[in-house]
Amino acid sequence: MGARVFDGGAVAQEWDDDTRTYRRWDDGVLVEEREYDEDEAAPLAEAEACEAREEARESLLDKVDAAIEADLAYLDLNPPTTAQAVAQVARLTRQTVALLRLVGARLDDTTGT
């Protein structure tokens, strides 16, 4: 993707987002080719970060049904063993971390969920 500016039917400027390269032509001759500068690269970096946060959010939400089932199964234990209680505390801690990441929009990482 990116953008192109035409002059008289020929490409005069091109921003190539795939390679993050800017090119400029004069009368059909390439006169400039360089990597994106900070201002040109910033929107792409933000879009990539946004996409990564959305993937993390979806990953956390994908775990909801399994977490509910596991918690309900624990509640059916009468009484739970010590090992089951210890496992439940670990499970609840992971669930709490996931919820805090979702609620606090801390989606840059899903470690501990």
Protein backbone atom coordinates (compact mmCIF):
# COMPACT_ATOMS: atom_id res chain seq x y z
CA MET A 1 0.00 0.00 0.00
CA GLY A 2 0.96 3.62 0.25
CA ALA A 3 0.29 6.48 -2.10
CA ARG A 4 1.31 7.76 -5.49
CA VAL A 5 1.24 11.24 -6.96
CA PHE A 6 1.03 11.49 -10.73
CA ASP A 7 2.22 14.26 -13.00
CA GLY A 8 1.12 14.09 -16.63
CA GLY A 9 0.24 10.42 -16.31
CA ALA A 10 3.61 9.41 -14.85
CA VAL A 11 4.37 8.67 -11.24
CA ALA A 12 6.04 11.70 -9.67
CA GLN A 13 6.13 10.55 -6.04
CA GLU A 14 5.50 7.27 -4.30
CA TRP A 15 5.23 6.25 -0.67
CA ASP A 16 5.66 2.46 -0.44
CA ASP A 17 4.35 1.36 2.96
CA ASP A 18 5.43 -2.26 2.45
CA THR A 19 9.10 -1.30 2.24
CA ARG A 20 8.70 2.07 4.00
CA THR A 21 10.42 3.76 1.10
CA TYR A 22 9.77 7.18 -0.46
CA ARG A 23 10.63 7.71 -4.13
CA ARG A 24 10.51 10.81 -6.30
CA TRP A 25 10.83 11.01 -10.08
CA ASP A 26 11.56 13.96 -12.32
CA ASP A 27 10.58 13.50 -15.96
CA GLY A 28 10.45 9.74 -15.44
CA VAL A 29 13.92 9.57 -13.85
CA LEU A 30 14.21 8.42 -10.25
CA VAL A 31 15.94 11.30 -8.45
CA GLU A 32 15.32 10.38 -4.82
CA GLU A 33 14.84 7.16 -2.91
CA ARG A 34 15.00 6.98 0.88
CA GLU A 35 13.54 5.27 3.90
CA TYR A 36 10.51 6.87 5.48
CA ASP A 37 11.33 9.64 7.88
CA GLU A 38 9.91 9.65 11.41
CA ASP A 39 6.73 11.49 10.42
CA GLU A 40 6.02 9.11 7.55
CA ALA A 41 6.73 5.98 9.63
CA ALA A 42 4.77 7.02 12.75
CA PRO A 43 1.24 6.29 11.43
CA LEU A 44 2.34 2.84 10.25
CA ALA A 45 3.90 2.03 13.62
CA GLU A 46 0.73 3.16 15.40
CA ALA A 47 -1.45 1.06 13.09
CA GLU A 48 0.72 -2.01 13.75
CA ALA A 49 0.56 -1.39 17.52
CA CYS A 50 -3.21 -1.00 17.30
CA GLU A 51 -3.50 -4.29 15.42
CA ALA A 52 -1.33 -6.06 18.01
CA ARG A 53 -3.49 -4.71 20.85
CA GLU A 54 -6.65 -5.92 19.09
CA GLU A 55 -5.14 -9.38 18.63
CA ALA A 56 -4.24 -9.45 22.34
CA ARG A 57 -7.79 -8.38 23.28
CA GLU A 58 -9.26 -11.14 21.11
CA SER A 59 -6.86 -13.67 22.63
CA LEU A 60 -7.97 -12.73 26.13
CA LEU A 61 -11.65 -12.83 25.21
CA ASP A 62 -11.18 -16.25 23.58
CA LYS A 63 -10.33 -17.62 27.04
CA VAL A 64 -13.58 -16.48 28.68
CA ASP A 65 -15.77 -19.55 28.06
CA ALA A 66 -13.10 -21.99 29.21
CA ALA A 67 -12.48 -19.91 32.33
CA ILE A 68 -16.17 -19.84 33.22
CA GLU A 69 -16.48 -23.60 32.73
CA ALA A 70 -13.43 -24.28 34.91
CA ASP A 71 -14.71 -21.97 37.66
CA LEU A 72 -18.16 -23.55 37.63
CA ALA A 73 -16.60 -27.01 37.79
CA TYR A 74 -14.58 -25.92 40.82
CA LEU A 75 -17.72 -24.64 42.53
CA ASP A 76 -19.29 -28.09 42.08
CA LEU A 77 -16.50 -29.74 44.08
CA ASN A 78 -17.70 -30.55 47.58
CA PRO A 79 -15.26 -30.17 49.20
CA PRO A 80 -12.30 -29.44 46.91
CA THR A 81 -8.98 -31.02 47.74
CA THR A 82 -6.01 -28.88 48.72
CA ALA A 83 -4.47 -29.47 45.30
CA GLN A 84 -7.70 -28.38 43.60
CA ALA A 85 -7.88 -25.23 45.74
CA VAL A 86 -4.25 -24.37 44.97
CA ALA A 87 -4.89 -24.91 41.25
CA GLN A 88 -7.99 -22.70 41.47
CA VAL A 89 -6.01 -19.85 43.08
CA ALA A 90 -3.51 -19.98 40.19
CA ARG A 91 -6.38 -20.07 37.67
CA LEU A 92 -8.11 -17.12 39.34
CA THR A 93 -4.88 -15.15 39.40
CA ARG A 94 -4.45 -15.63 35.63
CA GLN A 95 -8.09 -14.66 35.09
CA THR A 96 -7.67 -11.54 37.22
CA VAL A 97 -4.57 -10.48 35.28
CA ALA A 98 -6.50 -10.98 32.03
CA LEU A 99 -9.44 -8.91 33.30
CA LEU A 100 -7.15 -6.14 34.54
CA ARG A 101 -5.43 -6.02 31.15
CA LEU A 102 -8.81 -5.78 29.40
CA VAL A 103 -10.33 -3.21 31.74
CA GLY A 104 -7.16 -1.14 31.95
CA ALA A 105 -6.46 -1.40 28.20
CA ARG A 106 -3.02 -2.86 28.95
CA LEU A 107 -3.06 -5.01 25.83
CA ASP A 108 0.60 -4.70 24.89
CA ASP A 109 1.24 -8.08 26.54
CA THR A 110 -0.82 -11.11 27.57
CA THR A 111 1.80 -12.69 29.82
CA GLY A 112 0.33 -14.30 32.91
CA THR A 113 -3.09 -14.83 31.48
